Amino acid sequence: MFKNHSNASNLVLVFLIILFGACNNTGEVKSSINSDVAEKSITFTYQDVSGIGKDSVFNRRDNSDIIKVGDTYYIWYSRMDSPITSGYWATIWYATSKDDGHSWEEQGMALGLGDKGSFDSHSVFTPNILAHGGKYYLYYTGVQPTPGNPDGIFEGNHTTDFTAIGLAVADHPDGPFKRVENNPIIKVSQTPEDFDSYRVDDASLLVKDGQIWLYYKGRSIIHGSKGPGLTEMSVAIADRPEGPYKKHKGSLLDKSHEVLIWKKGNSVASLASISKSINYAEDGLDFSVMADSLTNIPKAPGLFRPDLAGNDTNEETPGWGISMTGKKGEVYLIRFEME
């Protein structure tokens, strides 16, 4: 588990308020602080899971948010053959649970590699999900073999291995998922100085004001090998899940390597992984730091989010999800709870 630093009790309260719906704006947060509650702290507790946990044959990572369809929870994730731990050599698989995510049953591959020559012909990874209008939309990151490589392999360099965000759609969460015609739906910027001129990745979705808001992270090509530590988050908005998407000009959050956003009323909360902070924006764009100096935060987490299931629920986001853990040569998924 983890806690805030002891000298940040007010920030702890703010985090709890944002996540569990105690108020709707920062003014109310400040007026709600009292000495009794301020002494409390938040903790993350972790539990091993079966079915998609530690495995000697496969590595799993970078899972989606979780939706519930009927009495069944669904999750999607990147899966690699052991001992490969990088998502740049993955396909997308999915699993289901009946017990709030404690035990899972892997159901099979949800999305394989794209056709030869396509943007996603080497790897598909970091999936996320949105149910909308009776269909299920699987967003993912794709990469092709390094252009110009004489052996047609993926180098993982910092200059020519561009990524893009793709989309596949199905009538049922079990698939089959078929790529949309305008794939990919989000590409890197052609302006080198832009924050997303080299990589776009980690789609995280919500429906806001009747539109589809797709938050994503970007890396700039001018940062080279330092790019992973300098990723930033922004958003692209569309009238339909398939797009076309219009990018917001510039980034919204820096130090945001792994994108996790969730609905808070009509507003948006976000966890920025590099800065280890919780951020909040009433308009979904102008984020302010509400809690920082967090420790031992979950890695590449996805939350159980009822709002993604396409039922227009006003239910607040519960405080549990799935994240990744592990070490060199071995990564796997675990469950976390926020208390």
C-alpha atoms as a PDB file:
ATOM      1  CA  MET A   1       0.000   0.000   0.000  1.00  0.00           C
ATOM      2  CA  PHE A   2       1.033   3.621  -0.181  1.00  0.00           C
ATOM      3  CA  LYS A   3       0.308   6.876   1.563  1.00  0.00           C
ATOM      4  CA  ASN A   4       0.842  10.570   0.929  1.00  0.00           C
ATOM      5  CA  HIS A   5       3.631  12.216   2.815  1.00  0.00           C
ATOM      6  CA  SER A   6       2.405  12.955   6.344  1.00  0.00           C
ATOM      7  CA  ASN A   7       2.652  16.711   5.827  1.00  0.00           C
ATOM      8  CA  ALA A   8       0.128  16.631   2.992  1.00  0.00           C
ATOM      9  CA  SER A   9      -3.044  15.619   4.805  1.00  0.00           C
ATOM     10  CA  ASN A  10      -5.130  18.293   3.138  1.00  0.00           C
ATOM     11  CA  LEU A  11      -4.081  17.021  -0.268  1.00  0.00           C
ATOM     12  CA  VAL A  12      -5.073  13.531   0.827  1.00  0.00           C
ATOM     13  CA  LEU A  13      -8.574  14.777   1.568  1.00  0.00           C
ATOM     14  CA  VAL A  14      -8.776  16.459  -1.801  1.00  0.00           C
ATOM     15  CA  PHE A  15      -7.878  13.188  -3.536  1.00  0.00           C
ATOM     16  CA  LEU A  16     -10.604  11.335  -1.661  1.00  0.00           C
ATOM     17  CA  ILE A  17     -13.149  14.001  -2.503  1.00  0.00           C
ATOM     18  CA  ILE A  18     -12.284  13.987  -6.189  1.00  0.00           C
ATOM     19  CA  LEU A  19     -12.405  10.211  -6.531  1.00  0.00           C
ATOM     20  CA  PHE A  20     -15.444   9.359  -4.481  1.00  0.00           C
ATOM     21  CA  GLY A  21     -17.676  12.290  -5.303  1.00  0.00           C
ATOM     22  CA  ALA A  22     -17.853  14.349  -2.119  1.00  0.00           C
ATOM     23  CA  CYS A  23     -18.054  17.612  -4.056  1.00  0.00           C
ATOM     24  CA  ASN A  24     -18.086  19.184  -7.491  1.00  0.00           C
ATOM     25  CA  ASN A  25     -15.596  22.041  -7.400  1.00  0.00           C
ATOM     26  CA  THR A  26     -12.435  23.140  -5.708  1.00  0.00           C
ATOM     27  CA  GLY A  27     -14.185  25.775  -3.634  1.00  0.00           C
ATOM     28  CA  GLU A  28     -16.282  23.110  -1.962  1.00  0.00           C
ATOM     29  CA  VAL A  29     -13.163  21.011  -1.411  1.00  0.00           C
ATOM     30  CA  LYS A  30     -11.499  23.749   0.597  1.00  0.00           C
ATOM     31  CA  SER A  31     -14.591  24.414   2.709  1.00  0.00           C
ATOM     32  CA  SER A  32     -14.959  20.695   3.494  1.00  0.00           C
ATOM     33  CA  ILE A  33     -11.595  20.247   5.219  1.00  0.00           C
ATOM     34  CA  ASN A  34     -11.833  19.591   8.933  1.00  0.00           C
ATOM     35  CA  SER A  35      -9.431  18.315  11.539  1.00  0.00           C
ATOM     36  CA  ASP A  36     -11.130  14.917  11.950  1.00  0.00           C
ATOM     37  CA  VAL A  37     -11.011  13.963   8.263  1.00  0.00           C
ATOM     38  CA  ALA A  38      -7.640  15.583   7.643  1.00  0.00           C
ATOM     39  CA  GLU A  39      -6.001  13.065   9.949  1.00  0.00           C
ATOM     40  CA  LYS A  40      -6.987  10.218   7.624  1.00  0.00           C
ATOM     41  CA  SER A  41      -4.847   9.029   4.736  1.00  0.00           C
ATOM     42  CA  ILE A  42      -5.404   7.132   1.510  1.00  0.00           C
ATOM     43  CA  THR A  43      -3.847   3.767   0.866  1.00  0.00           C
ATOM     44  CA  PHE A  44      -3.491   1.581  -2.172  1.00  0.00           C
ATOM     45  CA  THR A  45      -3.679  -2.101  -1.435  1.00  0.00           C
ATOM     46  CA  TYR A  46      -2.724  -4.741  -3.962  1.00  0.00           C
ATOM     47  CA  GLN A  47      -3.906  -8.295  -4.469  1.00  0.00           C
ATOM     48  CA  ASP A  48      -2.717 -11.047  -6.774  1.00  0.00           C
ATOM     49  CA  VAL A  49      -5.254 -12.227  -9.341  1.00  0.00           C
ATOM     50  CA  SER A  50      -5.696 -15.547 -11.049  1.00  0.00           C
ATOM     51  CA  GLY A  51      -5.953 -16.076 -14.791  1.00  0.00           C
ATOM     52  CA  ILE A  52      -3.968 -12.992 -15.878  1.00  0.00           C
ATOM     53  CA  GLY A  53      -1.457 -12.811 -13.032  1.00  0.00           C
ATOM     54  CA  LYS A  54       2.054 -14.180 -12.780  1.00  0.00           C
ATOM     55  CA  ASP A  55       2.666 -16.654 -15.601  1.00  0.00           C
ATOM     56  CA  SER A  56       5.726 -18.598 -16.756  1.00  0.00           C
ATOM     57  CA  VAL A  57       4.564 -18.687 -20.387  1.00  0.00           C
ATOM     58  CA  PHE A  58       3.175 -15.204 -21.094  1.00  0.00           C
ATOM     59  CA  ASN A  59       3.736 -11.649 -19.917  1.00  0.00           C
ATOM     60  CA  ARG A  60       0.782  -9.251 -19.641  1.00  0.00           C
ATOM     61  CA  ARG A  61       0.773  -5.489 -19.185  1.00  0.00           C
ATOM     62  CA  ASP A  62      -0.833  -2.118 -20.041  1.00  0.00           C
ATOM     63  CA  ASN A  63      -4.420  -3.119 -19.446  1.00  0.00           C
ATOM     64  CA  SER A  64      -7.521  -1.170 -20.406  1.00  0.00           C
ATOM     65  CA  ASP A  65     -10.085   0.293 -18.088  1.00  0.00           C
ATOM     66  CA  ILE A  66     -12.666  -2.267 -17.017  1.00  0.00           C
ATOM     67  CA  ILE A  67     -16.333  -2.393 -18.028  1.00  0.00           C
ATOM     68  CA  LYS A  68     -19.198  -4.524 -16.795  1.00  0.00           C
ATOM     69  CA  VAL A  69     -21.663  -6.067 -19.258  1.00  0.00           C
ATOM     70  CA  GLY A  70     -24.499  -7.858 -17.490  1.00  0.00           C
ATOM     71  CA  ASP A  71     -22.852  -9.707 -14.616  1.00  0.00           C
ATOM     72  CA  THR A  72     -19.459  -9.970 -16.324  1.00  0.00           C
ATOM     73  CA  TYR A  73     -16.403  -7.694 -16.084  1.00  0.00           C
ATOM     74  CA  TYR A  74     -14.227  -7.299 -19.193  1.00  0.00           C
ATOM     75  CA  ILE A  75     -10.605  -6.229 -19.511  1.00  0.00           C
ATOM     76  CA  TRP A  76      -8.191  -5.972 -22.466  1.00  0.00           C
ATOM     77  CA  TYR A  77      -4.384  -5.941 -22.279  1.00  0.00           C
ATOM     78  CA  SER A  78      -1.089  -6.409 -24.125  1.00  0.00           C
ATOM     79  CA  ARG A  79       0.201  -9.992 -24.106  1.00  0.00           C
ATOM     80  CA  MET A  80       3.699 -11.120 -25.048  1.00  0.00           C
ATOM     81  CA  ASP A  81       5.455 -14.488 -25.135  1.00  0.00           C
ATOM     82  CA  SER A  82       7.855 -14.931 -22.236  1.00  0.00           C
ATOM     83  CA  PRO A  83      10.472 -13.551 -21.646  1.00  0.00           C
ATOM     84  CA  ILE A  84       9.476 -10.491 -23.737  1.00  0.00           C
ATOM     85  CA  THR A  85       8.163  -7.745 -21.458  1.00  0.00           C
ATOM     86  CA  SER A  86       7.869  -4.834 -23.890  1.00  0.00           C
ATOM     87  CA  GLY A  87       4.514  -3.986 -25.425  1.00  0.00           C
ATOM     88  CA  TYR A  88       6.288  -3.255 -28.702  1.00  0.00           C
ATOM     89  CA  TRP A  89       6.107  -7.013 -29.337  1.00  0.00           C
ATOM     90  CA  ALA A  90       2.499  -7.642 -28.329  1.00  0.00           C
ATOM     91  CA  THR A  91      -0.984  -8.560 -29.447  1.00  0.00           C
ATOM     92  CA  ILE A  92      -4.174  -7.648 -27.593  1.00  0.00           C
ATOM     93  CA  TRP A  93      -5.998 -10.247 -25.505  1.00  0.00           C
ATOM     94  CA  TYR A  94      -8.965 -10.077 -23.168  1.00  0.00           C
ATOM     95  CA  ALA A  95     -10.315 -11.728 -20.034  1.00  0.00           C
ATOM     96  CA  THR A  96     -13.533 -11.813 -18.010  1.00  0.00           C
ATOM     97  CA  SER A  97     -14.363 -11.889 -14.321  1.00  0.00           C
ATOM     98  CA  LYS A  98     -17.470 -12.552 -12.227  1.00  0.00           C
ATOM     99  CA  ASP A  99     -16.108 -11.521  -8.811  1.00  0.00           C
ATOM    100  CA  ASP A 100     -15.116  -7.843  -9.003  1.00  0.00           C
ATOM    101  CA  GLY A 101     -11.813  -8.579 -10.684  1.00  0.00           C
ATOM    102  CA  HIS A 102     -10.258 -10.997  -8.196  1.00  0.00           C
ATOM    103  CA  SER A 103     -10.182 -13.952 -10.571  1.00  0.00           C
ATOM    104  CA  TRP A 104     -10.125 -13.785 -14.357  1.00  0.00           C
ATOM    105  CA  GLU A 105     -10.523 -16.198 -17.239  1.00  0.00           C
ATOM    106  CA  GLU A 106      -8.516 -15.408 -20.346  1.00  0.00           C
ATOM    107  CA  GLN A 107     -10.867 -15.674 -23.323  1.00  0.00           C
ATOM    108  CA  GLY A 108      -8.511 -15.287 -26.280  1.00  0.00           C
ATOM    109  CA  MET A 109      -6.985 -12.782 -28.656  1.00  0.00           C
ATOM    110  CA  ALA A 110      -9.096  -9.690 -29.235  1.00  0.00           C
ATOM    111  CA  LEU A 111      -6.927  -8.081 -31.927  1.00  0.00           C
ATOM    112  CA  GLY A 112      -3.975  -9.403 -33.874  1.00  0.00           C
ATOM    113  CA  LEU A 113      -1.409  -7.639 -36.034  1.00  0.00           C
ATOM    114  CA  GLY A 114      -2.400  -5.505 -38.994  1.00  0.00           C
ATOM    115  CA  ASP A 115      -1.697  -6.453 -42.582  1.00  0.00           C
ATOM    116  CA  LYS A 116       1.854  -6.214 -43.893  1.00  0.00           C
ATOM    117  CA  GLY A 117       2.747  -2.607 -44.635  1.00  0.00           C
ATOM    118  CA  SER A 118       0.134  -1.165 -42.272  1.00  0.00           C
ATOM    119  CA  PHE A 119       0.928   1.101 -39.318  1.00  0.00           C
ATOM    120  CA  ASP A 120       0.172  -1.733 -36.848  1.00  0.00           C
ATOM    121  CA  SER A 121       1.831  -4.685 -38.580  1.00  0.00           C
ATOM    122  CA  HIS A 122       4.538  -5.224 -35.932  1.00  0.00           C
ATOM    123  CA  SER A 123       2.676  -4.757 -32.643  1.00  0.00           C
ATOM    124  CA  VAL A 124      -0.705  -3.765 -31.210  1.00  0.00           C
ATOM    125  CA  PHE A 125      -0.753  -2.785 -27.537  1.00  0.00           C
ATOM    126  CA  THR A 126      -2.072  -0.468 -24.766  1.00  0.00           C
ATOM    127  CA  PRO A 127      -5.765  -1.054 -25.508  1.00  0.00           C
ATOM    128  CA  ASN A 128      -8.752   0.754 -24.071  1.00  0.00           C
ATOM    129  CA  ILE A 129     -12.481   0.350 -24.452  1.00  0.00           C
ATOM    130  CA  LEU A 130     -15.645   2.384 -24.952  1.00  0.00           C
ATOM    131  CA  ALA A 131     -19.185   1.047 -25.371  1.00  0.00           C
ATOM    132  CA  HIS A 132     -21.311   3.521 -27.297  1.00  0.00           C
ATOM    133  CA  GLY A 133     -24.473   3.294 -29.374  1.00  0.00           C
ATOM    134  CA  GLY A 134     -24.734  -0.468 -28.941  1.00  0.00           C
ATOM    135  CA  LYS A 135     -21.207  -1.156 -30.208  1.00  0.00           C
ATOM    136  CA  TYR A 136     -17.851  -1.751 -28.522  1.00  0.00           C
ATOM    137  CA  TYR A 137     -14.871   0.337 -29.588  1.00  0.00           C
ATOM    138  CA  LEU A 138     -11.370  -0.986 -28.917  1.00  0.00           C
ATOM    139  CA  TYR A 139      -8.736   1.756 -29.105  1.00  0.00           C
ATOM    140  CA  TYR A 140      -5.104   0.692 -29.286  1.00  0.00           C
ATOM    141  CA  THR A 141      -1.573   1.724 -30.206  1.00  0.00           C
ATOM    142  CA  GLY A 142       0.098   0.308 -33.298  1.00  0.00           C
ATOM    143  CA  VAL A 143       3.617   0.259 -34.661  1.00  0.00           C
ATOM    144  CA  GLN A 144       5.162  -1.189 -37.817  1.00  0.00           C
ATOM    145  CA  PRO A 145       8.672  -2.550 -38.466  1.00  0.00           C
ATOM    146  CA  THR A 146      11.269   0.193 -38.592  1.00  0.00           C
ATOM    147  CA  PRO A 147      11.056   1.915 -41.995  1.00  0.00           C
ATOM    148  CA  GLY A 148      14.181   1.234 -44.004  1.00  0.00           C
ATOM    149  CA  ASN A 149      15.448  -1.591 -41.819  1.00  0.00           C
ATOM    150  CA  PRO A 150      17.053  -4.073 -44.253  1.00  0.00           C
ATOM    151  CA  ASP A 151      15.740  -7.078 -42.300  1.00  0.00           C
ATOM    152  CA  GLY A 152      12.245  -5.686 -41.826  1.00  0.00           C
ATOM    153  CA  ILE A 153      12.478  -5.723 -38.032  1.00  0.00           C
ATOM    154  CA  PHE A 154      11.513  -3.260 -35.322  1.00  0.00           C
ATOM    155  CA  GLU A 155      14.518  -1.433 -33.872  1.00  0.00           C
ATOM    156  CA  GLY A 156      12.870   0.518 -31.052  1.00  0.00           C
ATOM    157  CA  ASN A 157      14.889   3.615 -31.943  1.00  0.00           C
ATOM    158  CA  HIS A 158      14.069   7.238 -31.128  1.00  0.00           C
ATOM    159  CA  THR A 159      13.897   8.667 -34.627  1.00  0.00           C
ATOM    160  CA  THR A 160      11.806   6.635 -37.080  1.00  0.00           C
ATOM    161  CA  ASP A 161       9.639   4.225 -35.058  1.00  0.00           C
ATOM    162  CA  PHE A 162       6.480   6.316 -35.082  1.00  0.00           C
ATOM    163  CA  THR A 163       3.321   5.053 -33.415  1.00  0.00           C
ATOM    164  CA  ALA A 164      -0.336   5.816 -34.110  1.00  0.00           C
ATOM    165  CA  ILE A 165      -3.643   5.168 -32.357  1.00  0.00           C
ATOM    166  CA  GLY A 166      -5.969   2.760 -34.095  1.00  0.00           C
ATOM    167  CA  LEU A 167      -9.537   1.624 -33.579  1.00  0.00           C
ATOM    168  CA  ALA A 168     -11.474  -1.600 -34.035  1.00  0.00           C
ATOM    169  CA  VAL A 169     -15.197  -2.093 -33.448  1.00  0.00           C
ATOM    170  CA  ALA A 170     -17.473  -5.021 -32.564  1.00  0.00           C
ATOM    171  CA  ASP A 171     -21.126  -5.679 -31.827  1.00  0.00           C
ATOM    172  CA  HIS A 172     -20.240  -7.612 -28.662  1.00  0.00           C
ATOM    173  CA  PRO A 173     -17.416  -7.294 -26.109  1.00  0.00           C
ATOM    174  CA  ASP A 174     -16.276 -10.796 -27.104  1.00  0.00           C
ATOM    175  CA  GLY A 175     -15.772  -9.565 -30.664  1.00  0.00           C
ATOM    176  CA  PRO A 176     -14.927 -10.115 -33.388  1.00  0.00           C
ATOM    177  CA  PHE A 177     -13.279  -6.688 -33.593  1.00  0.00           C
ATOM    178  CA  LYS A 178     -12.789  -5.223 -37.057  1.00  0.00           C
ATOM    179  CA  ARG A 179     -10.613  -2.239 -37.841  1.00  0.00           C
ATOM    180  CA  VAL A 180     -12.399   0.924 -38.953  1.00  0.00           C
ATOM    181  CA  GLU A 181     -11.875   2.206 -42.475  1.00  0.00           C
ATOM    182  CA  ASN A 182     -10.131   5.437 -41.455  1.00  0.00           C
ATOM    183  CA  ASN A 183      -7.457   3.678 -39.385  1.00  0.00           C
ATOM    184  CA  PRO A 184      -5.380   5.042 -37.757  1.00  0.00           C
ATOM    185  CA  ILE A 185      -7.588   7.643 -36.138  1.00  0.00           C
ATOM    186  CA  ILE A 186      -4.772   9.664 -34.514  1.00  0.00           C
ATOM    187  CA  LYS A 187      -1.295  10.172 -35.946  1.00  0.00           C
ATOM    188  CA  VAL A 188       1.815  11.971 -34.759  1.00  0.00           C
ATOM    189  CA  SER A 189       2.189  15.674 -35.462  1.00  0.00           C
ATOM    190  CA  GLN A 190       4.282  16.666 -38.468  1.00  0.00           C
ATOM    191  CA  THR A 191       5.755  19.614 -36.528  1.00  0.00           C
ATOM    192  CA  PRO A 192       8.935  18.405 -34.759  1.00  0.00           C
ATOM    193  CA  GLU A 193       8.589  20.842 -31.870  1.00  0.00           C
ATOM    194  CA  ASP A 194       5.142  19.562 -30.927  1.00  0.00           C
ATOM    195  CA  PHE A 195       4.826  17.363 -27.849  1.00  0.00           C
ATOM    196  CA  ASP A 196       3.386  14.488 -29.944  1.00  0.00           C
ATOM    197  CA  SER A 197       5.637  14.528 -33.008  1.00  0.00           C
ATOM    198  CA  TYR A 198       7.116  11.057 -32.360  1.00  0.00           C
ATOM    199  CA  ARG A 199       4.707   8.947 -30.332  1.00  0.00           C
ATOM    200  CA  VAL A 200       0.981   8.940 -29.609  1.00  0.00           C
ATOM    201  CA  ASP A 201      -0.200   6.257 -27.205  1.00  0.00           C
ATOM    202  CA  ASP A 202      -2.390   5.269 -24.231  1.00  0.00           C
ATOM    203  CA  ALA A 203      -5.911   6.214 -25.304  1.00  0.00           C
ATOM    204  CA  SER A 204      -8.290   6.855 -22.399  1.00  0.00           C
ATOM    205  CA  LEU A 205     -11.912   7.636 -23.199  1.00  0.00           C
ATOM    206  CA  LEU A 206     -14.972   9.382 -21.888  1.00  0.00           C
ATOM    207  CA  VAL A 207     -18.199  10.799 -23.257  1.00  0.00           C
ATOM    208  CA  LYS A 208     -18.539  14.469 -22.354  1.00  0.00           C
ATOM    209  CA  ASP A 209     -21.048  17.021 -23.618  1.00  0.00           C
ATOM    210  CA  GLY A 210     -22.293  14.491 -26.164  1.00  0.00           C
ATOM    211  CA  GLN A 211     -18.831  14.076 -27.724  1.00  0.00           C
ATOM    212  CA  ILE A 212     -16.061  11.490 -27.508  1.00  0.00           C
ATOM    213  CA  TRP A 213     -13.027  12.756 -25.613  1.00  0.00           C
ATOM    214  CA  LEU A 214      -9.900  10.707 -26.294  1.00  0.00           C
ATOM    215  CA  TYR A 215      -7.059  11.536 -23.917  1.00  0.00           C
ATOM    216  CA  TYR A 216      -3.629  10.332 -24.983  1.00  0.00           C
ATOM    217  CA  LYS A 217       0.062  10.796 -24.277  1.00  0.00           C
ATOM    218  CA  GLY A 218       2.637  12.130 -26.705  1.00  0.00           C
ATOM    219  CA  ARG A 219       6.405  12.205 -27.103  1.00  0.00           C
ATOM    220  CA  SER A 220       8.331  14.743 -29.131  1.00  0.00           C
ATOM    221  CA  ILE A 221      10.921  13.625 -31.651  1.00  0.00           C
ATOM    222  CA  ILE A 222      13.260  16.406 -30.543  1.00  0.00           C
ATOM    223  CA  HIS A 223      13.640  14.739 -27.114  1.00  0.00           C
ATOM    224  CA  GLY A 224      15.242  11.600 -28.531  1.00  0.00           C
ATOM    225  CA  SER A 225      16.151   8.976 -25.930  1.00  0.00           C
ATOM    226  CA  LYS A 226      14.982  11.273 -23.119  1.00  0.00           C
ATOM    227  CA  GLY A 227      11.442  11.167 -24.483  1.00  0.00           C
ATOM    228  CA  PRO A 228       9.942   8.535 -22.140  1.00  0.00           C
ATOM    229  CA  GLY A 229      10.553  10.812 -19.159  1.00  0.00           C
ATOM    230  CA  LEU A 230       9.109  13.847 -20.913  1.00  0.00           C
ATOM    231  CA  THR A 231       5.769  12.568 -22.174  1.00  0.00           C
ATOM    232  CA  GLU A 232       2.738  14.826 -21.910  1.00  0.00           C
ATOM    233  CA  MET A 233      -1.026  14.305 -22.040  1.00  0.00           C
ATOM    234  CA  SER A 234      -3.571  15.949 -24.300  1.00  0.00           C
ATOM    235  CA  VAL A 235      -6.993  15.228 -25.768  1.00  0.00           C
ATOM    236  CA  ALA A 236      -8.645  14.840 -29.160  1.00  0.00           C
ATOM    237  CA  ILE A 237     -12.410  15.269 -29.549  1.00  0.00           C
ATOM    238  CA  ALA A 238     -14.889  13.814 -32.038  1.00  0.00           C
ATOM    239  CA  ASP A 239     -18.623  13.638 -32.571  1.00  0.00           C
ATOM    240  CA  ARG A 240     -18.445   9.874 -33.141  1.00  0.00           C
ATOM    241  CA  PRO A 241     -16.210   7.127 -31.736  1.00  0.00           C
ATOM    242  CA  GLU A 242     -14.779   6.546 -35.233  1.00  0.00           C
ATOM    243  CA  GLY A 243     -13.829  10.213 -35.597  1.00  0.00           C
ATOM    244  CA  PRO A 244     -12.638  12.306 -37.264  1.00  0.00           C
ATOM    245  CA  TYR A 245     -10.810  13.568 -34.178  1.00  0.00           C
ATOM    246  CA  LYS A 246      -9.637  17.122 -33.695  1.00  0.00           C
ATOM    247  CA  LYS A 247      -6.615  17.463 -31.441  1.00  0.00           C
ATOM    248  CA  HIS A 248      -6.524  20.078 -28.724  1.00  0.00           C
ATOM    249  CA  LYS A 249      -3.763  22.557 -29.467  1.00  0.00           C
ATOM    250  CA  GLY A 250      -0.812  21.640 -27.274  1.00  0.00           C
ATOM    251  CA  SER A 251      -0.668  19.466 -24.173  1.00  0.00           C
ATOM    252  CA  LEU A 252      -2.789  19.568 -21.040  1.00  0.00           C
ATOM    253  CA  LEU A 253      -0.512  17.852 -18.516  1.00  0.00           C
ATOM    254  CA  ASP A 254       3.217  17.300 -18.493  1.00  0.00           C
ATOM    255  CA  LYS A 255       4.968  14.471 -16.668  1.00  0.00           C
ATOM    256  CA  SER A 256       2.110  12.177 -17.631  1.00  0.00           C
ATOM    257  CA  HIS A 257       3.680   9.020 -19.042  1.00  0.00           C
ATOM    258  CA  GLU A 258       0.699   6.734 -18.375  1.00  0.00           C
ATOM    259  CA  VAL A 259      -2.733   8.185 -19.065  1.00  0.00           C
ATOM    260  CA  LEU A 260      -5.453   7.463 -16.502  1.00  0.00           C
ATOM    261  CA  ILE A 261      -8.532   9.661 -16.500  1.00  0.00           C
ATOM    262  CA  TRP A 262     -11.948   9.159 -14.975  1.00  0.00           C
ATOM    263  CA  LYS A 263     -15.272  10.912 -14.907  1.00  0.00           C
ATOM    264  CA  LYS A 264     -16.101  13.065 -11.892  1.00  0.00           C
ATOM    265  CA  GLY A 265     -19.625  14.342 -12.417  1.00  0.00           C
ATOM    266  CA  ASN A 266     -19.331  16.512 -15.507  1.00  0.00           C
ATOM    267  CA  SER A 267     -15.634  17.022 -14.811  1.00  0.00           C
ATOM    268  CA  VAL A 268     -12.449  15.004 -15.287  1.00  0.00           C
ATOM    269  CA  ALA A 269      -9.807  13.713 -12.893  1.00  0.00           C
ATOM    270  CA  SER A 270      -6.435  12.368 -13.948  1.00  0.00           C
ATOM    271  CA  LEU A 271      -3.441  10.591 -12.469  1.00  0.00           C
ATOM    272  CA  ALA A 272      -0.115  11.836 -13.856  1.00  0.00           C
ATOM    273  CA  SER A 273       2.391   9.055 -13.322  1.00  0.00           C
ATOM    274  CA  ILE A 274       5.728  10.852 -13.632  1.00  0.00           C
ATOM    275  CA  SER A 275       4.778  13.703 -11.297  1.00  0.00           C
ATOM    276  CA  LYS A 276       2.830  11.256  -9.083  1.00  0.00           C
ATOM    277  CA  SER A 277      -0.055  13.685  -8.814  1.00  0.00           C
ATOM    278  CA  ILE A 278      -3.834  13.776  -9.033  1.00  0.00           C
ATOM    279  CA  ASN A 279      -5.192  16.513 -11.284  1.00  0.00           C
ATOM    280  CA  TYR A 280      -8.693  17.862 -11.823  1.00  0.00           C
ATOM    281  CA  ALA A 281     -10.385  19.899 -14.551  1.00  0.00           C
ATOM    282  CA  GLU A 282     -13.987  21.059 -14.461  1.00  0.00           C
ATOM    283  CA  ASP A 283     -13.900  21.661 -18.215  1.00  0.00           C
ATOM    284  CA  GLY A 284     -11.767  18.600 -18.982  1.00  0.00           C
ATOM    285  CA  LEU A 285      -8.947  20.854 -20.240  1.00  0.00           C
ATOM    286  CA  ASP A 286      -7.622  23.220 -17.577  1.00  0.00           C
ATOM    287  CA  PHE A 287      -6.086  20.816 -15.072  1.00  0.00           C
ATOM    288  CA  SER A 288      -4.947  21.855 -11.607  1.00  0.00           C
ATOM    289  CA  VAL A 289      -2.864  19.754  -9.232  1.00  0.00           C
ATOM    290  CA  MET A 290      -5.046  18.580  -6.379  1.00  0.00           C
ATOM    291  CA  ALA A 291      -2.721  16.068  -4.720  1.00  0.00           C
ATOM    292  CA  ASP A 292       0.964  15.428  -5.280  1.00  0.00           C
ATOM    293  CA  SER A 293       3.950  13.656  -3.764  1.00  0.00           C
ATOM    294  CA  LEU A 294       2.033  10.393  -3.951  1.00  0.00           C
ATOM    295  CA  THR A 295       4.130   7.279  -3.463  1.00  0.00           C
ATOM    296  CA  ASN A 296       3.973   3.740  -4.798  1.00  0.00           C
ATOM    297  CA  ILE A 297       1.220   4.564  -7.265  1.00  0.00           C
ATOM    298  CA  PRO A 298      -0.102   1.744  -9.505  1.00  0.00           C
ATOM    299  CA  LYS A 299       1.754   1.241 -12.769  1.00  0.00           C
ATOM    300  CA  ALA A 300      -0.148   1.566 -16.055  1.00  0.00           C
ATOM    301  CA  PRO A 301      -3.471   1.269 -14.222  1.00  0.00           C
ATOM    302  CA  GLY A 302      -6.996   0.901 -15.503  1.00  0.00           C
ATOM    303  CA  LEU A 303     -10.066   1.546 -13.356  1.00  0.00           C
ATOM    304  CA  PHE A 304     -13.438  -0.128 -13.272  1.00  0.00           C
ATOM    305  CA  ARG A 305     -15.468   2.639 -14.911  1.00  0.00           C
ATOM    306  CA  PRO A 306     -19.241   2.167 -15.176  1.00  0.00           C
ATOM    307  CA  ASP A 307     -19.470   5.233 -17.447  1.00  0.00           C
ATOM    308  CA  LEU A 308     -17.624   3.397 -20.235  1.00  0.00           C
ATOM    309  CA  ALA A 309     -20.256   0.668 -20.545  1.00  0.00           C
ATOM    310  CA  GLY A 310     -22.592   2.732 -22.712  1.00  0.00           C
ATOM    311  CA  ASN A 311     -25.514   2.924 -20.288  1.00  0.00           C
ATOM    312  CA  ASP A 312     -25.331   6.662 -19.527  1.00  0.00           C
ATOM    313  CA  THR A 313     -24.903   5.955 -15.827  1.00  0.00           C
ATOM    314  CA  ASN A 314     -24.176   8.706 -13.343  1.00  0.00           C
ATOM    315  CA  GLU A 315     -22.545   6.208 -11.019  1.00  0.00           C
ATOM    316  CA  GLU A 316     -19.250   7.421  -9.585  1.00  0.00           C
ATOM    317  CA  THR A 317     -16.069   5.560 -10.437  1.00  0.00           C
ATOM    318  CA  PRO A 318     -15.497   2.827  -7.799  1.00  0.00           C
ATOM    319  CA  GLY A 319     -12.096   2.641  -6.209  1.00  0.00           C
ATOM    320  CA  TRP A 320     -10.659  -0.523  -7.725  1.00  0.00           C
ATOM    321  CA  GLY A 321      -8.829  -1.493 -10.867  1.00  0.00           C
ATOM    322  CA  ILE A 322      -6.053  -3.545 -12.436  1.00  0.00           C
ATOM    323  CA  SER A 323      -2.436  -2.474 -12.951  1.00  0.00           C
ATOM    324  CA  MET A 324       0.868  -4.064 -13.874  1.00  0.00           C
ATOM    325  CA  THR A 325       3.834  -5.118 -11.805  1.00  0.00           C
ATOM    326  CA  GLY A 326       6.926  -7.264 -12.156  1.00  0.00           C
ATOM    327  CA  LYS A 327      10.598  -7.089 -12.972  1.00  0.00           C
ATOM    328  CA  LYS A 328      12.952  -7.605 -15.877  1.00  0.00           C
ATOM    329  CA  GLY A 329      11.813 -10.613 -17.849  1.00  0.00           C
ATOM    330  CA  GLU A 330       8.493 -10.912 -16.028  1.00  0.00           C
ATOM    331  CA  VAL A 331       5.505  -8.535 -15.950  1.00  0.00           C
ATOM    332  CA  TYR A 332       1.956  -9.371 -15.008  1.00  0.00           C
ATOM    333  CA  LEU A 333      -1.334  -7.875 -13.830  1.00  0.00           C
ATOM    334  CA  ILE A 334      -2.539  -7.334 -10.275  1.00  0.00           C
ATOM    335  CA  ARG A 335      -5.627  -5.830  -8.661  1.00  0.00           C
ATOM    336  CA  PHE A 336      -5.582  -2.643  -6.584  1.00  0.00           C
ATOM    337  CA  GLU A 337      -8.026  -0.903  -4.308  1.00  0.00           C
ATOM    338  CA  MET A 338      -8.068   2.682  -3.074  1.00  0.00           C
ATOM    339  CA  GLU A 339      -9.045   3.074   0.554  1.00  0.00           C
END
